[in-house]
Full PDB file with SEQRES, HELIX, SHEET, SSBOND, CRYST1, ORIGX, SCALE, CONECT and MASTER records, all heavy atoms in Angstrom:
SEQRES   1 A   38  GLU HIS LEU HIS PRO THR ALA ALA GLY ARG GLU LEU ILE          
SEQRES   2 A   38  ALA ALA VAL GLY ALA GLU THR ALA PRO VAL SER ALA ARG          
SEQRES   3 A   38  ILE TRP GLY GLY ILE PRO ALA GLU ASP LEU ALA ALA              
HELIX    1 AA1 ALA A    7  TRP A   28  1                                  22    
HELIX    2 AA2 ALA A   33  ALA A   37  1                                   5    
CRYST1    1.000    1.000    1.000  90.00  90.00  90.00 P 1           1          
ORIGX1      1.000000  0.000000  0.000000        0.00000                         
ORIGX2      0.000000  1.000000  0.000000        0.00000                         
ORIGX3      0.000000  0.000000  1.000000        0.00000                         
SCALE1      1.000000  0.000000  0.000000        0.00000                         
SCALE2      0.000000  1.000000  0.000000        0.00000                         
SCALE3      0.000000  0.000000  1.000000        0.00000                         
ATOM      1  N   GLU A   1       3.644  36.615 -36.559  1.00  0.00           N  
ATOM      2  CA  GLU A   1       3.940  36.198 -35.187  1.00  0.00           C  
ATOM      3  C   GLU A   1       2.805  36.490 -34.214  1.00  0.00           C  
ATOM      4  O   GLU A   1       2.900  36.181 -33.024  1.00  0.00           O  
ATOM      5  CB  GLU A   1       5.222  36.864 -34.694  1.00  0.00           C  
ATOM      6  CG  GLU A   1       5.115  38.370 -34.573  1.00  0.00           C  
ATOM      7  CD  GLU A   1       6.410  39.014 -34.085  1.00  0.00           C  
ATOM      8  OE1 GLU A   1       7.490  38.455 -34.298  1.00  0.00           O  
ATOM      9  OE2 GLU A   1       6.311  40.095 -33.480  1.00  0.00           O  
ATOM     10  N   HIS A   2       1.720  37.056 -34.694  1.00  0.00           N  
ATOM     11  CA  HIS A   2       0.612  37.440 -33.815  1.00  0.00           C  
ATOM     12  C   HIS A   2      -0.602  36.542 -34.000  1.00  0.00           C  
ATOM     13  O   HIS A   2      -0.809  35.959 -35.068  1.00  0.00           O  
ATOM     14  CB  HIS A   2       0.205  38.895 -34.081  1.00  0.00           C  
ATOM     15  CG  HIS A   2       1.287  39.860 -33.741  1.00  0.00           C  
ATOM     16  ND1 HIS A   2       2.076  40.448 -34.694  1.00  0.00           N  
ATOM     17  CD2 HIS A   2       1.724  40.321 -32.547  1.00  0.00           C  
ATOM     18  CE1 HIS A   2       2.958  41.241 -34.099  1.00  0.00           C  
ATOM     19  NE2 HIS A   2       2.765  41.173 -32.797  1.00  0.00           N  
ATOM     20  N   LEU A   3      -1.403  36.472 -32.954  1.00  0.00           N  
ATOM     21  CA  LEU A   3      -2.692  35.792 -33.003  1.00  0.00           C  
ATOM     22  C   LEU A   3      -3.780  36.850 -32.908  1.00  0.00           C  
ATOM     23  O   LEU A   3      -3.710  37.739 -32.054  1.00  0.00           O  
ATOM     24  CB  LEU A   3      -2.824  34.799 -31.849  1.00  0.00           C  
ATOM     25  CG  LEU A   3      -1.839  33.649 -31.823  1.00  0.00           C  
ATOM     26  CD1 LEU A   3      -2.082  32.771 -30.601  1.00  0.00           C  
ATOM     27  CD2 LEU A   3      -1.932  32.824 -33.096  1.00  0.00           C  
ATOM     28  N   HIS A   4      -4.738  36.742 -33.787  1.00  0.00           N  
ATOM     29  CA  HIS A   4      -5.852  37.691 -33.806  1.00  0.00           C  
ATOM     30  C   HIS A   4      -7.163  36.937 -33.640  1.00  0.00           C  
ATOM     31  O   HIS A   4      -7.326  35.843 -34.203  1.00  0.00           O  
ATOM     32  CB  HIS A   4      -5.903  38.453 -35.139  1.00  0.00           C  
ATOM     33  CG  HIS A   4      -4.707  39.289 -35.409  1.00  0.00           C  
ATOM     34  ND1 HIS A   4      -4.550  40.538 -34.883  1.00  0.00           N  
ATOM     35  CD2 HIS A   4      -3.600  39.047 -36.153  1.00  0.00           C  
ATOM     36  CE1 HIS A   4      -3.395  41.043 -35.294  1.00  0.00           C  
ATOM     37  NE2 HIS A   4      -2.790  40.151 -36.064  1.00  0.00           N  
ATOM     38  N   PRO A   5      -8.122  37.514 -32.928  1.00  0.00           N  
ATOM     39  CA  PRO A   5      -9.443  36.886 -32.860  1.00  0.00           C  
ATOM     40  C   PRO A   5     -10.128  37.014 -34.213  1.00  0.00           C  
ATOM     41  O   PRO A   5      -9.989  38.025 -34.903  1.00  0.00           O  
ATOM     42  CB  PRO A   5     -10.171  37.692 -31.793  1.00  0.00           C  
ATOM     43  CG  PRO A   5      -9.439  38.981 -31.697  1.00  0.00           C  
ATOM     44  CD  PRO A   5      -8.032  38.727 -32.133  1.00  0.00           C  
ATOM     45  N   THR A   6     -10.844  35.978 -34.592  1.00  0.00           N  
ATOM     46  CA  THR A   6     -11.613  36.018 -35.826  1.00  0.00           C  
ATOM     47  C   THR A   6     -12.971  36.651 -35.538  1.00  0.00           C  
ATOM     48  O   THR A   6     -13.340  36.858 -34.375  1.00  0.00           O  
ATOM     49  CB  THR A   6     -11.823  34.602 -36.383  1.00  0.00           C  
ATOM     50  OG1 THR A   6     -12.605  33.865 -35.432  1.00  0.00           O  
ATOM     51  CG2 THR A   6     -10.498  33.898 -36.665  1.00  0.00           C  
ATOM     52  N   ALA A   7     -13.716  36.916 -36.601  1.00  0.00           N  
ATOM     53  CA  ALA A   7     -15.079  37.422 -36.420  1.00  0.00           C  
ATOM     54  C   ALA A   7     -15.900  36.409 -35.623  1.00  0.00           C  
ATOM     55  O   ALA A   7     -16.681  36.787 -34.742  1.00  0.00           O  
ATOM     56  CB  ALA A   7     -15.720  37.702 -37.772  1.00  0.00           C  
ATOM     57  N   ALA A   8     -15.702  35.131 -35.911  1.00  0.00           N  
ATOM     58  CA  ALA A   8     -16.427  34.085 -35.164  1.00  0.00           C  
ATOM     59  C   ALA A   8     -16.049  34.108 -33.689  1.00  0.00           C  
ATOM     60  O   ALA A   8     -16.909  33.915 -32.820  1.00  0.00           O  
ATOM     61  CB  ALA A   8     -16.140  32.715 -35.770  1.00  0.00           C  
ATOM     62  N   GLY A   9     -14.783  34.358 -33.386  1.00  0.00           N  
ATOM     63  CA  GLY A   9     -14.342  34.449 -31.995  1.00  0.00           C  
ATOM     64  C   GLY A   9     -14.978  35.629 -31.284  1.00  0.00           C  
ATOM     65  O   GLY A   9     -15.441  35.513 -30.141  1.00  0.00           O  
ATOM     66  N   ARG A  10     -15.016  36.758 -31.969  1.00  0.00           N  
ATOM     67  CA  ARG A  10     -15.639  37.950 -31.387  1.00  0.00           C  
ATOM     68  C   ARG A  10     -17.139  37.734 -31.176  1.00  0.00           C  
ATOM     69  O   ARG A  10     -17.703  38.122 -30.150  1.00  0.00           O  
ATOM     70  CB  ARG A  10     -15.395  39.168 -32.270  1.00  0.00           C  
ATOM     71  CG  ARG A  10     -13.955  39.638 -32.264  1.00  0.00           C  
ATOM     72  CD  ARG A  10     -13.767  40.859 -33.189  1.00  0.00           C  
ATOM     73  NE  ARG A  10     -12.378  41.199 -33.295  1.00  0.00           N  
ATOM     74  CZ  ARG A  10     -11.685  41.879 -32.378  1.00  0.00           C  
ATOM     75  NH1 ARG A  10     -12.279  42.285 -31.292  1.00  0.00           N  
ATOM     76  NH2 ARG A  10     -10.411  42.147 -32.561  1.00  0.00           N  
ATOM     77  N   GLU A  11     -17.781  37.105 -32.152  1.00  0.00           N  
ATOM     78  CA  GLU A  11     -19.218  36.837 -32.040  1.00  0.00           C  
ATOM     79  C   GLU A  11     -19.503  35.880 -30.883  1.00  0.00           C  
ATOM     80  O   GLU A  11     -20.494  36.049 -30.166  1.00  0.00           O  
ATOM     81  CB  GLU A  11     -19.754  36.260 -33.353  1.00  0.00           C  
ATOM     82  CG  GLU A  11     -19.799  37.272 -34.481  1.00  0.00           C  
ATOM     83  CD  GLU A  11     -20.054  36.647 -35.846  1.00  0.00           C  
ATOM     84  OE1 GLU A  11     -20.409  35.441 -35.914  1.00  0.00           O  
ATOM     85  OE2 GLU A  11     -19.900  37.366 -36.848  1.00  0.00           O  
ATOM     86  N   LEU A  12     -18.647  34.898 -30.702  1.00  0.00           N  
ATOM     87  CA  LEU A  12     -18.827  33.938 -29.618  1.00  0.00           C  
ATOM     88  C   LEU A  12     -18.742  34.624 -28.261  1.00  0.00           C  
ATOM     89  O   LEU A  12     -19.610  34.422 -27.393  1.00  0.00           O  
ATOM     90  CB  LEU A  12     -17.790  32.825 -29.715  1.00  0.00           C  
ATOM     91  CG  LEU A  12     -17.802  31.810 -28.573  1.00  0.00           C  
ATOM     92  CD1 LEU A  12     -19.098  31.019 -28.558  1.00  0.00           C  
ATOM     93  CD2 LEU A  12     -16.627  30.881 -28.682  1.00  0.00           C  
ATOM     94  N   ILE A  13     -17.726  35.433 -28.074  1.00  0.00           N  
ATOM     95  CA  ILE A  13     -17.576  36.139 -26.795  1.00  0.00           C  
ATOM     96  C   ILE A  13     -18.744  37.094 -26.576  1.00  0.00           C  
ATOM     97  O   ILE A  13     -19.255  37.215 -25.446  1.00  0.00           O  
ATOM     98  CB  ILE A  13     -16.211  36.860 -26.723  1.00  0.00           C  
ATOM     99  CG1 ILE A  13     -15.074  35.845 -26.664  1.00  0.00           C  
ATOM    100  CG2 ILE A  13     -16.156  37.831 -25.542  1.00  0.00           C  
ATOM    101  CD1 ILE A  13     -15.097  34.917 -25.445  1.00  0.00           C  
ATOM    102  N   ALA A  14     -19.209  37.758 -27.632  1.00  0.00           N  
ATOM    103  CA  ALA A  14     -20.368  38.644 -27.511  1.00  0.00           C  
ATOM    104  C   ALA A  14     -21.619  37.849 -27.137  1.00  0.00           C  
ATOM    105  O   ALA A  14     -22.413  38.290 -26.284  1.00  0.00           O  
ATOM    106  CB  ALA A  14     -20.585  39.412 -28.811  1.00  0.00           C  
ATOM    107  N   ALA A  15     -21.802  36.680 -27.737  1.00  0.00           N  
ATOM    108  CA  ALA A  15     -22.977  35.851 -27.429  1.00  0.00           C  
ATOM    109  C   ALA A  15     -22.938  35.364 -25.993  1.00  0.00           C  
ATOM    110  O   ALA A  15     -23.965  35.381 -25.295  1.00  0.00           O  
ATOM    111  CB  ALA A  15     -23.044  34.671 -28.403  1.00  0.00           C  
ATOM    112  N   VAL A  16     -21.761  34.939 -25.534  1.00  0.00           N  
ATOM    113  CA  VAL A  16     -21.618  34.489 -24.144  1.00  0.00           C  
ATOM    114  C   VAL A  16     -21.910  35.653 -23.199  1.00  0.00           C  
ATOM    115  O   VAL A  16     -22.612  35.498 -22.199  1.00  0.00           O  
ATOM    116  CB  VAL A  16     -20.220  33.884 -23.895  1.00  0.00           C  
ATOM    117  CG1 VAL A  16     -19.949  33.703 -22.411  1.00  0.00           C  
ATOM    118  CG2 VAL A  16     -20.070  32.558 -24.639  1.00  0.00           C  
ATOM    119  N   GLY A  17     -21.383  36.828 -23.520  1.00  0.00           N  
ATOM    120  CA  GLY A  17     -21.639  38.010 -22.690  1.00  0.00           C  
ATOM    121  C   GLY A  17     -23.118  38.364 -22.637  1.00  0.00           C  
ATOM    122  O   GLY A  17     -23.644  38.672 -21.559  1.00  0.00           O  
ATOM    123  N   ALA A  18     -23.790  38.295 -23.775  1.00  0.00           N  
ATOM    124  CA  ALA A  18     -25.217  38.598 -23.809  1.00  0.00           C  
ATOM    125  C   ALA A  18     -26.017  37.575 -23.009  1.00  0.00           C  
ATOM    126  O   ALA A  18     -26.996  37.930 -22.336  1.00  0.00           O  
ATOM    127  CB  ALA A  18     -25.703  38.636 -25.261  1.00  0.00           C  
ATOM    128  N   GLU A  19     -25.605  36.331 -23.061  1.00  0.00           N  
ATOM    129  CA  GLU A  19     -26.315  35.275 -22.343  1.00  0.00           C  
ATOM    130  C   GLU A  19     -26.075  35.345 -20.836  1.00  0.00           C  
ATOM    131  O   GLU A  19     -26.965  35.035 -20.052  1.00  0.00           O  
ATOM    132  CB  GLU A  19     -25.874  33.920 -22.892  1.00  0.00           C  
ATOM    133  CG  GLU A  19     -26.838  32.808 -22.621  1.00  0.00           C  
ATOM    134  CD  GLU A  19     -26.504  31.546 -23.385  1.00  0.00           C  
ATOM    135  OE1 GLU A  19     -26.017  31.617 -24.529  1.00  0.00           O  
ATOM    136  OE2 GLU A  19     -26.739  30.469 -22.805  1.00  0.00           O  
ATOM    137  N   THR A  20     -24.870  35.743 -20.439  1.00  0.00           N  
ATOM    138  CA  THR A  20     -24.566  35.792 -19.006  1.00  0.00           C  
ATOM    139  C   THR A  20     -24.968  37.111 -18.354  1.00  0.00           C  
ATOM    140  O   THR A  20     -25.089  37.162 -17.123  1.00  0.00           O  
ATOM    141  CB  THR A  20     -23.065  35.538 -18.745  1.00  0.00           C  
ATOM    142  OG1 THR A  20     -22.290  36.501 -19.456  1.00  0.00           O  
ATOM    143  CG2 THR A  20     -22.668  34.131 -19.141  1.00  0.00           C  
ATOM    144  N   ALA A  21     -25.199  38.157 -19.133  1.00  0.00           N  
ATOM    145  CA  ALA A  21     -25.526  39.468 -18.561  1.00  0.00           C  
ATOM    146  C   ALA A  21     -26.746  39.433 -17.633  1.00  0.00           C  
ATOM    147  O   ALA A  21     -26.680  39.949 -16.509  1.00  0.00           O  
ATOM    148  CB  ALA A  21     -25.705  40.510 -19.659  1.00  0.00           C  
ATOM    149  N   PRO A  22     -27.866  38.830 -18.042  1.00  0.00           N  
ATOM    150  CA  PRO A  22     -29.011  38.836 -17.121  1.00  0.00           C  
ATOM    151  C   PRO A  22     -28.767  37.984 -15.876  1.00  0.00           C  
ATOM    152  O   PRO A  22     -29.254  38.313 -14.789  1.00  0.00           O  
ATOM    153  CB  PRO A  22     -30.173  38.290 -17.953  1.00  0.00           C  
ATOM    154  CG  PRO A  22     -29.581  37.695 -19.178  1.00  0.00           C  
ATOM    155  CD  PRO A  22     -28.211  38.271 -19.339  1.00  0.00           C  
ATOM    156  N   VAL A  23     -28.000  36.923 -16.016  1.00  0.00           N  
ATOM    157  CA  VAL A  23     -27.670  36.085 -14.865  1.00  0.00           C  
ATOM    158  C   VAL A  23     -26.785  36.878 -13.900  1.00  0.00           C  
ATOM    159  O   VAL A  23     -27.006  36.882 -12.682  1.00  0.00           O  
ATOM    160  CB  VAL A  23     -26.974  34.780 -15.308  1.00  0.00           C  
ATOM    161  CG1 VAL A  23     -26.531  33.957 -14.122  1.00  0.00           C  
ATOM    162  CG2 VAL A  23     -27.872  33.973 -16.229  1.00  0.00           C  
ATOM    163  N   SER A  24     -25.780  37.557 -14.451  1.00  0.00           N  
ATOM    164  CA  SER A  24     -24.900  38.388 -13.614  1.00  0.00           C  
ATOM    165  C   SER A  24     -25.695  39.472 -12.900  1.00  0.00           C  
ATOM    166  O   SER A  24     -25.443  39.766 -11.721  1.00  0.00           O  
ATOM    167  CB  SER A  24     -23.804  39.022 -14.468  1.00  0.00           C  
ATOM    168  OG  SER A  24     -22.927  38.040 -14.945  1.00  0.00           O  
ATOM    169  N   ALA A  25     -26.657  40.049 -13.599  1.00  0.00           N  
ATOM    170  CA  ALA A  25     -27.482  41.087 -12.976  1.00  0.00           C  
ATOM    171  C   ALA A  25     -28.273  40.517 -11.803  1.00  0.00           C  
ATOM    172  O   ALA A  25     -28.408  41.174 -10.765  1.00  0.00           O  
ATOM    173  CB  ALA A  25     -28.417  41.703 -14.014  1.00  0.00           C  
ATOM    174  N   ARG A  26     -28.768  39.288 -11.951  1.00  0.00           N  
ATOM    175  CA  ARG A  26     -29.505  38.672 -10.847  1.00  0.00           C  
ATOM    176  C   ARG A  26     -28.572  38.330  -9.683  1.00  0.00           C  
ATOM    177  O   ARG A  26     -28.936  38.476  -8.518  1.00  0.00           O  
ATOM    178  CB  ARG A  26     -30.228  37.409 -11.326  1.00  0.00           C  
ATOM    179  CG  ARG A  26     -31.437  37.697 -12.199  1.00  0.00           C  
ATOM    180  CD  ARG A  26     -32.296  36.465 -12.429  1.00  0.00           C  
ATOM    181  NE  ARG A  26     -31.611  35.372 -13.108  1.00  0.00           N  
ATOM    182  CZ  ARG A  26     -31.525  35.236 -14.429  1.00  0.00           C  
ATOM    183  NH1 ARG A  26     -32.041  36.157 -15.231  1.00  0.00           N  
ATOM    184  NH2 ARG A  26     -30.914  34.186 -14.952  1.00  0.00           N  
ATOM    185  N   ILE A  27     -27.366  37.889  -9.992  1.00  0.00           N  
ATOM    186  CA  ILE A  27     -26.414  37.515  -8.942  1.00  0.00           C  
ATOM    187  C   ILE A  27     -25.914  38.748  -8.186  1.00  0.00           C  
ATOM    188  O   ILE A  27     -25.870  38.762  -6.959  1.00  0.00           O  
ATOM    189  CB  ILE A  27     -25.233  36.720  -9.542  1.00  0.00           C  
ATOM    190  CG1 ILE A  27     -25.729  35.345 -10.025  1.00  0.00           C  
ATOM    191  CG2 ILE A  27     -24.102  36.576  -8.526  1.00  0.00           C  
ATOM    192  CD1 ILE A  27     -24.708  34.572 -10.856  1.00  0.00           C  
ATOM    193  N   TRP A  28     -25.540  39.787  -8.920  1.00  0.00           N  
ATOM    194  CA  TRP A  28     -24.931  40.967  -8.307  1.00  0.00           C  
ATOM    195  C   TRP A  28     -25.935  42.053  -7.937  1.00  0.00           C  
ATOM    196  O   TRP A  28     -25.630  42.933  -7.127  1.00  0.00           O  
ATOM    197  CB  TRP A  28     -23.882  41.559  -9.254  1.00  0.00           C  
ATOM    198  CG  TRP A  28     -22.681  40.686  -9.384  1.00  0.00           C  
ATOM    199  CD1 TRP A  28     -22.471  39.701 -10.305  1.00  0.00           C  
ATOM    200  CD2 TRP A  28     -21.532  40.691  -8.546  1.00  0.00           C  
ATOM    201  NE1 TRP A  28     -21.257  39.100 -10.094  1.00  0.00           N  
ATOM    202  CE2 TRP A  28     -20.654  39.684  -9.028  1.00  0.00           C  
ATOM    203  CE3 TRP A  28     -21.150  41.441  -7.447  1.00  0.00           C  
ATOM    204  CZ2 TRP A  28     -19.421  39.423  -8.434  1.00  0.00           C  
ATOM    205  CZ3 TRP A  28     -19.920  41.184  -6.864  1.00  0.00           C  
ATOM    206  CH2 TRP A  28     -19.082  40.186  -7.356  1.00  0.00           C  
ATOM    207  N   GLY A  29     -27.121  41.997  -8.524  1.00  0.00           N  
ATOM    208  CA  GLY A  29     -28.116  43.049  -8.306  1.00  0.00           C  
ATOM    209  C   GLY A  29     -28.520  43.183  -6.850  1.00  0.00           C  
ATOM    210  O   GLY A  29     -28.639  42.203  -6.116  1.00  0.00           O  
ATOM    211  N   GLY A  30     -28.722  44.401  -6.428  1.00  0.00           N  
ATOM    212  CA  GLY A  30     -29.208  44.661  -5.088  1.00  0.00           C  
ATOM    213  C   GLY A  30     -28.147  44.658  -3.999  1.00  0.00           C  
ATOM    214  O   GLY A  30     -28.460  44.914  -2.838  1.00  0.00           O  
ATOM    215  N   ILE A  31     -26.912  44.356  -4.349  1.00  0.00           N  
ATOM    216  CA  ILE A  31     -25.843  44.425  -3.346  1.00  0.00           C  
ATOM    217  C   ILE A  31     -25.447  45.896  -3.216  1.00  0.00           C  
ATOM    218  O   ILE A  31     -25.119  46.544  -4.210  1.00  0.00           O  
ATOM    219  CB  ILE A  31     -24.628  43.556  -3.748  1.00  0.00           C  
ATOM    220  CG1 ILE A  31     -25.041  42.092  -3.886  1.00  0.00           C  
ATOM    221  CG2 ILE A  31     -23.501  43.715  -2.729  1.00  0.00           C  
ATOM    222  CD1 ILE A  31     -23.952  41.183  -4.436  1.00  0.00           C  
ATOM    223  N   PRO A  32     -25.479  46.430  -2.006  1.00  0.00           N  
ATOM    224  CA  PRO A  32     -25.148  47.854  -1.824  1.00  0.00           C  
ATOM    225  C   PRO A  32     -23.751  48.192  -2.343  1.00  0.00           C  
ATOM    226  O   PRO A  32     -22.808  47.404  -2.205  1.00  0.00           O  
ATOM    227  CB  PRO A  32     -25.229  48.062  -0.306  1.00  0.00           C  
ATOM    228  CG  PRO A  32     -26.124  46.958   0.175  1.00  0.00           C  
ATOM    229  CD  PRO A  32     -25.852  45.789  -0.748  1.00  0.00           C  
ATOM    230  N   ALA A  33     -23.632  49.369  -2.922  1.00  0.00           N  
ATOM    231  CA  ALA A  33     -22.365  49.820  -3.503  1.00  0.00           C  
ATOM    232  C   ALA A  33     -21.232  49.786  -2.473  1.00  0.00           C  
ATOM    233  O   ALA A  33     -20.104  49.413  -2.811  1.00  0.00           O  
ATOM    234  CB  ALA A  33     -22.515  51.226  -4.089  1.00  0.00           C  
ATOM    235  N   GLU A  34     -21.524  50.146  -1.243  1.00  0.00           N  
ATOM    236  CA  GLU A  34     -20.462  50.161  -0.233  1.00  0.00           C  
ATOM    237  C   GLU A  34     -19.988  48.730   0.088  1.00  0.00           C  
ATOM    238  O   GLU A  34     -18.816  48.518   0.375  1.00  0.00           O  
ATOM    239  CB  GLU A  34     -20.875  50.903   1.043  1.00  0.00           C  
ATOM    240  CG  GLU A  34     -22.084  50.340   1.751  1.00  0.00           C  
ATOM    241  CD  GLU A  34     -23.437  50.883   1.262  1.00  0.00           C  
ATOM    242  OE1 GLU A  34     -23.491  51.582   0.242  1.00  0.00           O  
ATOM    243  OE2 GLU A  34     -24.442  50.581   1.928  1.00  0.00           O  
ATOM    244  N   ASP A  35     -20.886  47.770   0.012  1.00  0.00           N  
ATOM    245  CA  ASP A  35     -20.486  46.371   0.210  1.00  0.00           C  
ATOM    246  C   ASP A  35     -19.618  45.896  -0.948  1.00  0.00           C  
ATOM    247  O   ASP A  35     -18.625  45.188  -0.745  1.00  0.00           O  
ATOM    248  CB  ASP A  35     -21.705  45.459   0.346  1.00  0.00           C  
ATOM    249  CG  ASP A  35     -22.454  45.655   1.652  1.00  0.00           C  
ATOM    250  OD1 ASP A  35     -21.926  46.355   2.553  1.00  0.00           O  
ATOM    251  OD2 ASP A  35     -23.567  45.113   1.772  1.00  0.00           O  
ATOM    252  N   LEU A  36     -20.000  46.268  -2.158  1.00  0.00           N  
ATOM    253  CA  LEU A  36     -19.192  45.895  -3.322  1.00  0.00           C  
ATOM    254  C   LEU A  36     -17.813  46.532  -3.256  1.00  0.00           C  
ATOM    255  O   LEU A  36     -16.806  45.892  -3.585  1.00  0.00           O  
ATOM    256  CB  LEU A  36     -19.906  46.287  -4.621  1.00  0.00           C  
ATOM    257  CG  LEU A  36     -21.180  45.504  -4.929  1.00  0.00           C  
ATOM    258  CD1 LEU A  36     -21.881  46.098  -6.145  1.00  0.00           C  
ATOM    259  CD2 LEU A  36     -20.882  44.030  -5.140  1.00  0.00           C  
ATOM    260  N   ALA A  37     -17.754  47.779  -2.819  1.00  0.00           N  
ATOM    261  CA  ALA A  37     -16.465  48.465  -2.699  1.00  0.00           C  
ATOM    262  C   ALA A  37     -15.588  47.777  -1.650  1.00  0.00           C  
ATOM    263  O   ALA A  37     -14.387  47.554  -1.871  1.00  0.00           O  
ATOM    264  CB  ALA A  37     -16.666  49.940  -2.362  1.00  0.00           C  
ATOM    265  N   ALA A  38     -16.168  47.425  -0.511  1.00  0.00           N  
ATOM    266  CA  ALA A  38     -15.398  46.750   0.542  1.00  0.00           C  
ATOM    267  C   ALA A  38     -14.922  45.384   0.056  1.00  0.00           C  
ATOM    268  O   ALA A  38     -13.761  45.014   0.254  1.00  0.00           O  
ATOM    269  CB  ALA A  38     -16.244  46.604   1.803  1.00  0.00           C  
TER     270      ALA A  38                                                      
MASTER        0    0    0    2    0    0    0    6  269    1    0    3          
END                                                                             
């Protein structure tokens, strides 16, 4: 009755995360912590 991610599913999400990490860093980088908290 359960659905489980396959190794391919896990690898896909990891690849997407690795590809988006530097973009996210550029988008969010340099924003002051207090601004992010607010």
